[in-house]
Amino acid sequence: MKKKKLRIIVADDEAIQRNVLANIIQKICIKSEVIACSNGNEVYDILKNKSVDIVLSDIQMPIMDGIGEI
């Protein structure tokens, strides 16, 4: 039986934090697709077209935050 690939979004306006977290997730969970976003608008655009399993989001970001608007 083939295991399902987890789709995970990491959203943070700080590039270093976003990239470090995405890299850690990919090393821990080899069967994953990690999508990095820098604001809530990018997350929203992805969610309109693709299903994801987990969204890890900073709660204070420019343009659209990660708590109340998505």
C-alpha atoms as a PDB file:
ATOM      1  CA  MET A   1       0.000   0.000   0.000  1.00  0.00           C
ATOM      2  CA  LYS A   2       1.376   3.371  -1.018  1.00  0.00           C
ATOM      3  CA  LYS A   3       1.530   5.968   1.775  1.00  0.00           C
ATOM      4  CA  LYS A   4      -0.108   9.305   1.134  1.00  0.00           C
ATOM      5  CA  LYS A   5       2.222  12.274   0.857  1.00  0.00           C
ATOM      6  CA  LEU A   6       1.420  14.925   3.489  1.00  0.00           C
ATOM      7  CA  ARG A   7       0.930  18.415   2.119  1.00  0.00           C
ATOM      8  CA  ILE A   8       2.041  21.044   4.597  1.00  0.00           C
ATOM      9  CA  ILE A   9       1.999  24.826   4.268  1.00  0.00           C
ATOM     10  CA  VAL A  10       4.472  26.871   6.304  1.00  0.00           C
ATOM     11  CA  ALA A  11       3.506  30.547   6.354  1.00  0.00           C
ATOM     12  CA  ASP A  12       5.742  33.195   7.901  1.00  0.00           C
ATOM     13  CA  ASP A  13       6.825  36.629   6.724  1.00  0.00           C
ATOM     14  CA  GLU A  14      10.334  36.029   8.121  1.00  0.00           C
ATOM     15  CA  ALA A  15      12.200  34.122   5.390  1.00  0.00           C
ATOM     16  CA  ILE A  16      14.771  32.553   7.722  1.00  0.00           C
ATOM     17  CA  GLN A  17      12.142  31.164  10.092  1.00  0.00           C
ATOM     18  CA  ARG A  18       9.975  29.955   7.202  1.00  0.00           C
ATOM     19  CA  ASN A  19      12.852  28.176   5.462  1.00  0.00           C
ATOM     20  CA  VAL A  20      14.283  26.610   8.632  1.00  0.00           C
ATOM     21  CA  LEU A  21      10.892  25.217   9.640  1.00  0.00           C
ATOM     22  CA  ALA A  22      10.212  23.913   6.122  1.00  0.00           C
ATOM     23  CA  ASN A  23      13.633  22.201   6.044  1.00  0.00           C
ATOM     24  CA  ILE A  24      13.120  20.601   9.464  1.00  0.00           C
ATOM     25  CA  ILE A  25       9.721  19.258   8.419  1.00  0.00           C
ATOM     26  CA  GLN A  26      11.134  17.784   5.214  1.00  0.00           C
ATOM     27  CA  LYS A  27      13.960  16.065   7.118  1.00  0.00           C
ATOM     28  CA  ILE A  28      11.591  14.608   9.738  1.00  0.00           C
ATOM     29  CA  CYS A  29       8.750  13.726   7.397  1.00  0.00           C
ATOM     30  CA  ILE A  30      10.315  12.477   4.176  1.00  0.00           C
ATOM     31  CA  LYS A  31       6.915  11.688   2.645  1.00  0.00           C
ATOM     32  CA  SER A  32       5.805  15.311   2.619  1.00  0.00           C
ATOM     33  CA  GLU A  33       5.363  18.225   0.279  1.00  0.00           C
ATOM     34  CA  VAL A  34       6.152  21.471   2.080  1.00  0.00           C
ATOM     35  CA  ILE A  35       4.887  24.700   0.541  1.00  0.00           C
ATOM     36  CA  ALA A  36       6.409  27.912   1.916  1.00  0.00           C
ATOM     37  CA  CYS A  37       4.385  31.143   1.914  1.00  0.00           C
ATOM     38  CA  SER A  38       5.295  34.632   3.080  1.00  0.00           C
ATOM     39  CA  ASN A  39       1.782  35.940   3.780  1.00  0.00           C
ATOM     40  CA  GLY A  40      -1.853  34.942   4.129  1.00  0.00           C
ATOM     41  CA  ASN A  41      -2.723  35.852   0.541  1.00  0.00           C
ATOM     42  CA  GLU A  42      -0.276  33.245  -0.734  1.00  0.00           C
ATOM     43  CA  VAL A  43      -1.803  30.649   1.601  1.00  0.00           C
ATOM     44  CA  TYR A  44      -5.301  31.538   0.448  1.00  0.00           C
ATOM     45  CA  ASP A  45      -4.321  31.261  -3.237  1.00  0.00           C
ATOM     46  CA  ILE A  46      -2.860  27.796  -2.661  1.00  0.00           C
ATOM     47  CA  LEU A  47      -5.895  26.628  -0.680  1.00  0.00           C
ATOM     48  CA  LYS A  48      -8.201  27.667  -3.532  1.00  0.00           C
ATOM     49  CA  ASN A  49      -6.467  25.241  -5.900  1.00  0.00           C
ATOM     50  CA  LYS A  50      -4.917  22.503  -3.771  1.00  0.00           C
ATOM     51  CA  SER A  51      -5.907  20.507  -0.716  1.00  0.00           C
ATOM     52  CA  VAL A  52      -3.449  20.472   2.168  1.00  0.00           C
ATOM     53  CA  ASP A  53      -3.280  18.489   5.398  1.00  0.00           C
ATOM     54  CA  ILE A  54      -1.603  20.987   7.729  1.00  0.00           C
ATOM     55  CA  VAL A  55      -1.122  24.754   7.782  1.00  0.00           C
ATOM     56  CA  LEU A  56       1.510  26.143  10.156  1.00  0.00           C
ATOM     57  CA  SER A  57       1.063  29.884  10.159  1.00  0.00           C
ATOM     58  CA  ASP A  58       2.511  32.913  11.860  1.00  0.00           C
ATOM     59  CA  ILE A  59      -0.396  34.852  13.349  1.00  0.00           C
ATOM     60  CA  GLN A  60       0.971  38.305  12.505  1.00  0.00           C
ATOM     61  CA  MET A  61       1.965  38.859   8.891  1.00  0.00           C
ATOM     62  CA  PRO A  62       1.634  41.770   6.493  1.00  0.00           C
ATOM     63  CA  ILE A  63      -1.039  41.808   3.771  1.00  0.00           C
ATOM     64  CA  MET A  64      -3.190  39.118   5.419  1.00  0.00           C
ATOM     65  CA  ASP A  65      -2.535  37.574   8.820  1.00  0.00           C
ATOM     66  CA  GLY A  66      -2.682  33.906   9.638  1.00  0.00           C
ATOM     67  CA  ILE A  67      -5.393  33.762  12.255  1.00  0.00           C
ATOM     68  CA  GLY A  68      -8.712  35.329  11.410  1.00  0.00           C
ATOM     69  CA  GLU A  69      -8.884  35.835   7.704  1.00  0.00           C
ATOM     70  CA  ILE A  70      -8.227  32.410   6.194  1.00  0.00           C
END
